[in-house]
Amino acid sequence: MKLSGSYEFNATPEKVWQTLTDPQSLSACIPGCEKMEALGNDEYSATVTVSMGPIRSKFDATVKMVDMKPYESYSLIIEGKGPSGFVRGESQVRLTADNGKTTVNVDTESSSGGLLARVGQRMMESFARSMMDRFFTCLQQSIK
């Protein structure tokens, strides 16, 4: 599944970058995130509870930031598994400055399997879009 989004922040790329790469900011804004711990080398472990329709499942995930170009871009690799299946995704995150504001463009490609994918296949794209919008809306509000 492919998903893209664009989000405007009322802050400089430096401030937005700091928020996008801060584990505390991320864990506070990831819907259902129960904990996020640094493993070193821009890699984190996280526990996230996801509710999609009748399915509620806890996932243990790893999140890794790679190809980091400060204040410009990075790639985010996420792998998670739980009793209802697995999810894998990679996102390209790009920051663009514009008169004191910053636009964050995100392009994501993901796959999932197990019960979550079978039962939720039709709902998966709208669910993923909702999660991404909730995450970035939270980050936008946290920077103000």
Protein backbone atom coordinates (compact mmCIF):
# COMPACT_ATOMS: atom_id res chain seq x y z
CA MET A 1 0.00 0.00 0.00
CA LYS A 2 1.29 3.46 -0.90
CA LEU A 3 0.33 6.61 0.95
CA SER A 4 1.43 10.24 0.65
CA GLY A 5 0.79 13.35 2.68
CA SER A 6 1.86 16.96 2.99
CA TYR A 7 1.76 18.90 6.28
CA GLU A 8 2.57 22.55 6.95
CA PHE A 9 4.23 23.65 10.18
CA ASN A 10 4.48 27.23 11.48
CA ALA A 11 8.15 26.76 12.35
CA THR A 12 11.60 26.66 10.78
CA PRO A 13 12.98 23.41 9.31
CA GLU A 14 15.42 23.23 12.25
CA LYS A 15 12.59 23.27 14.81
CA VAL A 16 10.47 20.80 12.81
CA TRP A 17 13.48 18.48 12.37
CA GLN A 18 14.15 18.56 16.11
CA THR A 19 10.54 17.51 16.79
CA LEU A 20 10.45 14.84 14.06
CA THR A 21 13.60 13.19 15.41
CA ASP A 22 12.83 13.47 19.14
CA PRO A 23 11.62 10.15 20.64
CA GLN A 24 9.52 11.90 23.31
CA SER A 25 7.70 14.03 20.74
CA LEU A 26 7.16 11.01 18.52
CA SER A 27 5.88 8.71 21.26
CA ALA A 28 3.48 11.43 22.48
CA CYS A 29 1.99 11.75 18.98
CA ILE A 30 1.95 8.17 17.68
CA PRO A 31 -1.65 6.99 18.20
CA GLY A 32 -1.71 4.07 20.64
CA CYS A 33 2.00 4.33 21.53
CA GLU A 34 2.56 2.92 25.03
CA LYS A 35 6.33 3.21 25.12
CA MET A 36 9.30 4.10 22.95
CA GLU A 37 12.89 3.42 23.96
CA ALA A 38 16.16 4.35 22.27
CA LEU A 39 18.30 1.41 21.14
CA GLY A 40 21.12 3.60 19.78
CA ASN A 41 22.14 4.63 16.26
CA ASP A 42 18.78 6.36 15.61
CA GLU A 43 16.89 3.11 16.26
CA TYR A 44 14.02 2.69 18.72
CA SER A 45 11.78 -0.04 20.06
CA ALA A 46 8.12 0.77 20.56
CA THR A 47 4.95 -0.86 21.83
CA VAL A 48 1.80 0.32 20.06
CA THR A 49 -1.81 -0.77 20.48
CA VAL A 50 -3.83 -0.55 17.29
CA SER A 51 -7.62 -0.67 17.09
CA MET A 52 -9.12 -1.12 13.64
CA GLY A 53 -12.76 -2.06 13.53
CA PRO A 54 -13.27 -5.22 15.61
CA ILE A 55 -9.52 -5.89 15.85
CA ARG A 56 -7.45 -4.58 18.74
CA SER A 57 -3.85 -5.71 18.88
CA LYS A 58 -0.60 -4.78 20.56
CA PHE A 59 2.47 -4.58 18.35
CA ASP A 60 6.13 -4.66 19.28
CA ALA A 61 7.93 -2.55 16.72
CA THR A 62 11.33 -1.25 15.75
CA VAL A 63 11.69 2.21 14.24
CA LYS A 64 14.89 3.22 12.49
CA MET A 65 15.84 6.58 10.98
CA VAL A 66 18.32 6.27 8.10
CA ASP A 67 19.82 8.44 5.34
CA MET A 68 19.50 11.47 7.60
CA LYS A 69 20.23 14.86 6.02
CA PRO A 70 19.57 17.29 8.90
CA TYR A 71 16.79 19.83 8.27
CA GLU A 72 16.15 18.30 4.80
CA SER A 73 15.17 14.62 4.75
CA TYR A 74 15.39 11.11 6.17
CA SER A 75 13.93 7.66 5.69
CA LEU A 76 11.96 5.91 8.39
CA ILE A 77 11.82 2.10 8.50
CA ILE A 78 9.17 0.50 10.72
CA GLU A 79 8.65 -3.20 11.43
CA GLY A 80 6.10 -4.47 13.89
CA LYS A 81 4.54 -7.76 14.85
CA GLY A 82 1.81 -8.84 17.19
CA PRO A 83 -0.80 -11.55 17.71
CA SER A 84 -2.91 -10.31 14.79
CA GLY A 85 -0.14 -10.08 12.22
CA PHE A 86 2.73 -7.90 11.07
CA VAL A 87 3.33 -4.52 9.48
CA ARG A 88 6.35 -3.25 7.59
CA GLY A 89 6.80 0.17 6.15
CA GLU A 90 9.27 2.65 4.80
CA SER A 91 8.66 6.39 4.62
CA GLN A 92 10.60 9.14 2.88
CA VAL A 93 10.28 12.38 4.87
CA ARG A 94 11.26 15.69 3.22
CA LEU A 95 11.26 19.17 4.76
CA THR A 96 10.94 22.31 2.63
CA ALA A 97 11.36 25.82 4.04
CA ASP A 98 8.98 28.58 2.92
CA ASN A 99 9.06 32.03 4.56
CA GLY A 100 9.45 30.86 8.17
CA LYS A 101 7.17 27.86 7.67
CA THR A 102 8.07 24.29 6.83
CA THR A 103 6.24 21.81 4.64
CA VAL A 104 6.78 18.15 5.47
CA ASN A 105 6.12 15.76 2.59
CA VAL A 106 5.79 12.07 3.39
CA ASP A 107 5.72 9.15 0.94
CA THR A 108 5.10 5.76 2.53
CA GLU A 109 5.03 2.22 1.23
CA SER A 110 3.85 -0.49 3.58
CA SER A 111 2.70 -4.08 3.75
CA SER A 112 0.89 -6.13 6.35
CA GLY A 113 -0.12 -9.72 6.90
CA GLY A 114 -2.09 -11.95 9.20
CA LEU A 115 -5.55 -11.39 10.64
CA LEU A 116 -5.13 -7.62 10.60
CA ALA A 117 -4.57 -7.60 6.83
CA ARG A 118 -7.27 -10.17 6.02
CA VAL A 119 -10.06 -8.62 8.06
CA GLY A 120 -9.05 -5.03 7.57
CA GLN A 121 -7.90 -5.00 3.93
CA ARG A 122 -10.67 -2.69 2.76
CA MET A 123 -10.25 -0.41 5.76
CA MET A 124 -6.44 -0.42 5.74
CA GLU A 125 -5.83 2.62 3.51
CA SER A 126 -8.33 4.91 5.27
CA PHE A 127 -7.06 3.67 8.64
CA ALA A 128 -3.42 4.37 7.70
CA ARG A 129 -4.36 7.83 6.35
CA SER A 130 -6.20 8.61 9.60
CA MET A 131 -3.22 7.49 11.72
CA MET A 132 -0.80 9.61 9.65
CA ASP A 133 -3.06 12.68 9.83
CA ARG A 134 -3.54 12.29 13.60
CA PHE A 135 0.22 11.93 14.10
CA PHE A 136 1.15 15.05 12.11
CA THR A 137 -1.70 17.12 13.56
CA CYS A 138 -0.39 16.27 17.03
CA LEU A 139 3.15 17.27 16.00
CA GLN A 140 1.90 20.54 14.46
CA GLN A 141 0.16 21.41 17.73
CA SER A 142 3.18 20.44 19.84
CA ILE A 143 5.45 22.92 18.02
CA LYS A 144 3.25 26.00 18.61
